[in-house]
Every structure is written in C-alpha cells, then in structure tokens.
Amino acid sequence: MRNFEKYLDKIHRKIAKSIVLAPEGSERRKITVDKAGVQKYLGNPLFRDDDIKKASKPGMAVGLAWTSMGGDTLIIEAVANPGKEGFKITGQMGSVMQESASIAYTFVRGISAQDFGVGADFFEGRQIHLHIPEGATPKDGPSAGITMATALLSLVIKKRIKDRLAMTGELSLTGQVLPIGGLKEKTVAARRNKIKDIIIPAANEKDLEDIPEHVRKGIRFHPVERMEEVIDIAFGL
C-alpha cells in the first residue's frame, strides 16, 4: 500500500507540473489517467505479463520469495556435470540461503538411493551446480529450502515438476517443512505468475485467512509437514 501511494503521488506531481507549465490561456481540460497514461508518468512496468517463470525441464523448480516490492517468483536451476564429486551454488545468495542449499543437497542425496534407486555413483561422479538466475539481486532466507530440494531431486530422477506449481517452505535435515513469512506477498507474486498450485508449510495454513479472497481465487494451496509430501505433489507420485 505504501508503494501504491508513492506512485499515486508521483503521478499527481507530474500532472500538477504539466498544468502549471502549460502556456498561458491554454484551455482547461479534464485529465484521465488510463493504461497508457500510467506508463507515461511511471515508465515501463516493473512486472511484464510475458515474464512468466516456468520449470520447463528436469532440474528446475519455481519458488516464492518476499521482496521489498511485495513478493516475487524464483526459478531455481540445477545441472550435473561429469567430474569429481562436488556441490556448487551461485546466484548471489546470502549465508542463510547457502545453508538451506546445503541442507537440500544432503537431504536429496540421502533419499535418492533409498526411495528412487539412484546409486551413490551418480553423485560421486558428478559436480552438482545449483543456480538462481537474476544474480544481480541479493537473495537470502530459508524459505527456498523445499524449492531447492525439489529442483535437485528433479535433476536426479530426470522428471519435470507439475506445471504452474510454486512452493515456499524451510527444509530441515530430517525432511520437516518449517514455517515461513510473507505468505500474502508471495501469493500475490504467484497470481501474477499465473500459478495454479502453491505448496506451503502446514504451520502457515492459518495465514491464508489474511489473504484477500480475490487473490486466493483459482489457486489451490497444499499445506505439508514433510518433504515427502512435497515430492508427491510436485511429481504426481
């Protein structure tokens, strides 16, 4: 709301300036600010309708993040390159997010053999690289934990996640999905990205009451307590 008021004030100032600087004797007229007028006074939109983030191949997942602009979607990518075992992370992540990435890697490596029959040689003979694009934007916090784990598992089992699915939740080493903040802002970002399903921590289910009905409409929320539930939803297992 604060940003909305700030942009309204900016439009008002520019209109007032145009009136004051108009040539003497100019005809007074009603000023209507339409879609073209908004772009004229505020510049190009911060969020484009065609900027839809999708997990289009194995090794990708869509997460939700809180930002100063109210929320955003994150694409997380993972690839595996032949070579000595290793785990590399890039994308200007803060220390908390780097710890979450390490937890995600450890968890996925542990369940890959147990639940999906992927041998240890997969990891021993490859360097795993996890990346979050838009590296110029600093990112931190634990809420991308389940998203990073999903991207890594998607890479390992060579399976895409469900279309138009996003998620947010902190991941523990034992697979618990822990609560996060900013669910309202993240849901707004999901709607802007045409997301249809959102995986959230079960502990955040109570926060759905704070999200306006018109924002929640058409979005299915999936409260989960364990990473195994995330996997079932993401891959349709």
Protein backbone atom coordinates (compact mmCIF):
# COMPACT_ATOMS: atom_id res chain seq x y z
CA MET A 1 0.00 0.00 0.00
CA ARG A 2 2.89 2.34 0.77
CA ASN A 3 4.33 1.87 -2.71
CA PHE A 4 0.90 2.36 -4.29
CA GLU A 5 0.52 5.73 -2.52
CA LYS A 6 4.04 6.70 -3.55
CA TYR A 7 3.29 6.06 -7.23
CA LEU A 8 -0.02 7.96 -6.99
CA ASP A 9 1.85 10.94 -5.56
CA LYS A 10 4.34 10.74 -8.43
CA ILE A 11 1.51 10.87 -10.99
CA HIS A 12 -0.14 13.78 -9.17
CA ARG A 13 3.11 15.77 -9.12
CA LYS A 14 3.70 15.28 -12.84
CA ILE A 15 0.13 16.26 -13.73
CA ALA A 16 0.33 19.33 -11.48
CA LYS A 17 3.63 20.32 -13.10
CA SER A 18 2.15 19.99 -16.60
CA ILE A 19 -0.76 22.24 -15.60
CA VAL A 20 1.49 24.89 -14.05
CA LEU A 21 3.84 24.94 -17.06
CA ALA A 22 1.07 24.97 -19.66
CA PRO A 23 1.10 28.08 -21.92
CA GLU A 24 -0.98 30.99 -20.67
CA GLY A 25 -4.50 30.88 -21.97
CA SER A 26 -4.47 27.13 -22.56
CA GLU A 27 -7.86 25.51 -22.43
CA ARG A 28 -8.64 23.75 -19.19
CA ARG A 29 -9.47 20.09 -19.75
CA LYS A 30 -10.25 17.01 -17.75
CA ILE A 31 -7.24 14.74 -17.29
CA THR A 32 -7.84 11.00 -17.30
CA VAL A 33 -5.02 8.61 -16.45
CA ASP A 34 -5.56 5.44 -18.49
CA LYS A 35 -3.21 2.49 -19.02
CA ALA A 36 -1.09 4.45 -21.50
CA GLY A 37 -1.04 7.39 -19.08
CA VAL A 38 0.25 5.23 -16.23
CA GLN A 39 3.19 4.14 -18.40
CA LYS A 40 3.75 7.74 -19.49
CA TYR A 41 4.01 9.01 -15.91
CA LEU A 42 5.68 6.00 -14.25
CA GLY A 43 7.72 4.50 -17.07
CA ASN A 44 7.84 0.86 -18.14
CA PRO A 45 6.12 -1.66 -15.84
CA LEU A 46 8.23 -3.41 -13.21
CA PHE A 47 6.50 -6.71 -13.95
CA ARG A 48 5.75 -7.75 -17.53
CA ASP A 49 2.83 -10.00 -18.43
CA ASP A 50 5.15 -12.07 -20.63
CA ASP A 51 7.68 -12.60 -17.84
CA ILE A 52 6.16 -15.91 -16.74
CA LYS A 53 8.65 -18.16 -14.97
CA LYS A 54 8.25 -21.87 -15.69
CA ALA A 55 10.03 -25.06 -14.70
CA SER A 56 10.33 -26.24 -18.29
CA LYS A 57 12.75 -29.15 -17.84
CA PRO A 58 14.14 -31.54 -15.20
CA GLY A 59 16.34 -29.77 -12.69
CA MET A 60 14.10 -26.70 -12.37
CA ALA A 61 11.56 -25.61 -9.75
CA VAL A 62 9.59 -22.44 -9.03
CA GLY A 63 9.84 -20.85 -5.60
CA LEU A 64 8.26 -17.81 -3.97
CA ALA A 65 10.18 -15.07 -2.22
CA TRP A 66 9.39 -11.95 -0.20
CA THR A 67 10.90 -8.74 -1.56
CA SER A 68 10.60 -5.02 -0.89
CA MET A 69 8.25 -4.88 -3.87
CA GLY A 70 5.87 -7.27 -2.15
CA GLY A 71 6.87 -10.68 -3.45
CA ASP A 72 8.44 -12.43 -6.42
CA THR A 73 8.81 -15.81 -8.08
CA LEU A 74 12.19 -17.54 -8.20
CA ILE A 75 13.36 -20.04 -10.77
CA ILE A 76 15.89 -22.45 -9.31
CA GLU A 77 18.05 -24.45 -11.71
CA ALA A 78 20.27 -27.48 -11.15
CA VAL A 79 22.62 -29.26 -13.55
CA ALA A 80 25.05 -32.17 -13.18
CA ASN A 81 28.44 -32.15 -14.91
CA PRO A 82 30.79 -35.17 -15.12
CA GLY A 83 33.80 -34.91 -12.86
CA LYS A 84 34.87 -35.13 -9.26
CA GLU A 85 32.06 -35.05 -6.72
CA GLY A 86 31.10 -31.57 -5.60
CA PHE A 87 28.27 -29.13 -4.96
CA LYS A 88 28.39 -25.55 -6.25
CA ILE A 89 25.84 -22.78 -5.67
CA THR A 90 25.58 -19.42 -7.46
CA GLY A 91 23.16 -16.53 -7.71
CA GLN A 92 24.22 -14.02 -5.00
CA MET A 93 22.69 -15.95 -2.12
CA GLY A 94 23.15 -14.87 1.47
CA SER A 95 24.60 -17.15 4.14
CA VAL A 96 21.22 -18.44 5.34
CA MET A 97 20.17 -19.38 1.81
CA GLN A 98 23.51 -21.09 1.21
CA GLU A 99 22.94 -23.18 4.32
CA SER A 100 19.48 -24.08 3.02
CA ALA A 101 21.04 -25.19 -0.27
CA SER A 102 23.49 -27.45 1.57
CA ILE A 103 20.63 -28.97 3.59
CA ALA A 104 18.66 -29.57 0.38
CA TYR A 105 21.64 -31.31 -1.25
CA THR A 106 22.26 -33.53 1.78
CA PHE A 107 18.60 -34.47 2.05
CA VAL A 108 18.21 -35.28 -1.65
CA ARG A 109 21.38 -37.33 -1.70
CA GLY A 110 20.08 -39.33 1.26
CA ILE A 111 16.67 -40.16 -0.22
CA SER A 112 17.82 -40.70 -3.81
CA ALA A 113 19.19 -44.18 -3.13
CA GLN A 114 16.60 -45.10 -0.52
CA ASP A 115 13.44 -44.07 -2.38
CA PHE A 116 14.43 -43.75 -6.04
CA GLY A 117 17.17 -46.34 -6.57
CA VAL A 118 19.80 -43.78 -7.59
CA GLY A 119 23.23 -45.12 -6.67
CA ALA A 120 25.90 -43.16 -4.84
CA ASP A 121 27.97 -43.20 -8.04
CA PHE A 122 25.60 -40.60 -9.51
CA PHE A 123 26.89 -38.04 -7.01
CA GLU A 124 30.43 -39.39 -6.77
CA GLY A 125 30.97 -38.95 -10.49
CA ARG A 126 29.36 -35.54 -10.94
CA GLN A 127 29.55 -31.95 -9.77
CA ILE A 128 26.10 -30.60 -9.00
CA HIS A 129 25.58 -26.91 -9.75
CA LEU A 130 22.58 -25.12 -8.22
CA HIS A 131 21.82 -21.64 -9.53
CA ILE A 132 19.22 -18.91 -9.02
CA PRO A 133 19.11 -16.53 -12.01
CA GLU A 134 18.96 -12.74 -11.69
CA GLY A 135 22.24 -12.83 -9.83
CA ALA A 136 22.38 -9.04 -9.51
CA THR A 137 19.55 -9.25 -6.96
CA PRO A 138 20.69 -10.31 -3.46
CA LYS A 139 18.65 -13.19 -2.04
CA ASP A 140 18.61 -14.67 1.43
CA GLY A 141 16.40 -16.55 3.87
CA PRO A 142 15.48 -20.19 4.45
CA SER A 143 12.11 -20.29 2.67
CA ALA A 144 13.52 -21.64 -0.62
CA GLY A 145 14.68 -24.85 1.08
CA ILE A 146 11.98 -27.14 -0.31
CA THR A 147 12.25 -25.48 -3.74
CA MET A 148 15.99 -26.16 -3.94
CA ALA A 149 15.48 -29.75 -2.81
CA THR A 150 12.76 -30.23 -5.44
CA ALA A 151 14.99 -28.84 -8.20
CA LEU A 152 17.82 -31.17 -7.15
CA LEU A 153 15.58 -34.22 -6.99
CA SER A 154 14.05 -33.31 -10.36
CA LEU A 155 17.58 -33.34 -11.79
CA VAL A 156 18.46 -36.69 -10.20
CA ILE A 157 15.32 -38.57 -11.26
CA LYS A 158 15.10 -36.74 -14.63
CA LYS A 159 11.47 -35.76 -14.13
CA ARG A 160 9.79 -32.35 -14.54
CA ILE A 161 7.67 -30.94 -11.76
CA LYS A 162 3.97 -30.25 -12.18
CA ASP A 163 3.14 -27.31 -14.45
CA ARG A 164 2.19 -23.97 -12.83
CA LEU A 165 3.29 -25.15 -9.41
CA ALA A 166 5.23 -22.98 -6.95
CA MET A 167 6.32 -23.60 -3.39
CA THR A 168 7.71 -21.99 -0.27
CA GLY A 169 8.99 -23.58 2.92
CA GLU A 170 12.08 -24.10 5.01
CA LEU A 171 13.54 -27.61 4.93
CA SER A 172 15.19 -29.37 7.88
CA LEU A 173 17.82 -32.09 7.56
CA THR A 174 15.28 -34.71 8.57
CA GLY A 175 12.74 -33.59 5.96
CA GLN A 176 10.43 -31.41 8.04
CA VAL A 177 8.84 -28.44 6.26
CA LEU A 178 9.08 -25.44 8.57
CA PRO A 179 7.02 -22.20 8.53
CA ILE A 180 7.90 -19.08 6.56
CA GLY A 181 6.87 -15.43 6.47
CA GLY A 182 5.31 -13.18 3.85
CA LEU A 183 2.76 -15.68 2.55
CA LYS A 184 0.37 -12.93 1.44
CA GLU A 185 3.01 -11.17 -0.66
CA LYS A 186 4.21 -14.47 -2.09
CA THR A 187 0.67 -15.39 -3.11
CA VAL A 188 0.30 -12.07 -4.94
CA ALA A 189 3.52 -12.89 -6.82
CA ALA A 190 2.20 -16.38 -7.62
CA ARG A 191 -1.03 -14.96 -9.06
CA ARG A 192 0.98 -12.53 -11.17
CA ASN A 193 2.95 -15.52 -12.50
CA LYS A 194 -0.27 -17.45 -13.29
CA ILE A 195 0.49 -20.13 -10.69
CA LYS A 196 -2.36 -22.58 -10.05
CA ASP A 197 -0.93 -24.63 -7.13
CA ILE A 198 1.16 -23.49 -4.16
CA ILE A 199 2.83 -25.80 -1.64
CA ILE A 200 3.06 -24.17 1.78
CA PRO A 201 4.10 -25.33 5.26
CA ALA A 202 1.16 -26.72 7.26
CA ALA A 203 2.05 -24.27 10.04
CA ASN A 204 1.24 -21.39 7.67
CA GLU A 205 -2.25 -22.62 6.83
CA LYS A 206 -3.69 -20.20 9.39
CA ASP A 207 -2.16 -17.28 7.43
CA LEU A 208 -4.44 -17.97 4.47
CA GLU A 209 -7.15 -16.01 6.32
CA ASP A 210 -5.08 -12.84 5.88
CA ILE A 211 -5.03 -13.19 2.07
CA PRO A 212 -7.95 -11.47 0.28
CA GLU A 213 -10.39 -13.80 -1.46
CA HIS A 214 -9.77 -12.24 -4.88
CA VAL A 215 -6.06 -13.04 -4.53
CA ARG A 216 -6.64 -16.65 -3.41
CA LYS A 217 -9.33 -17.34 -6.00
CA GLY A 218 -8.29 -20.00 -8.51
CA ILE A 219 -5.19 -21.04 -6.54
CA ARG A 220 -5.02 -24.40 -4.75
CA PHE A 221 -2.95 -24.39 -1.56
CA HIS A 222 -1.29 -27.61 -0.41
CA PRO A 223 -0.24 -27.49 3.27
CA VAL A 224 2.51 -30.03 4.00
CA GLU A 225 4.54 -31.12 7.01
CA ARG A 226 7.15 -33.31 5.30
CA MET A 227 9.33 -33.11 2.20
CA GLU A 228 7.91 -36.46 1.09
CA GLU A 229 4.53 -34.75 0.68
CA VAL A 230 6.16 -32.03 -1.43
CA ILE A 231 7.65 -34.72 -3.68
CA ASP A 232 4.31 -36.47 -4.10
CA ILE A 233 2.60 -33.24 -5.17
CA ALA A 234 5.42 -31.91 -7.34
CA PHE A 235 5.93 -35.10 -9.32
CA GLY A 236 2.49 -36.68 -9.08
CA LEU A 237 3.88 -39.75 -7.35
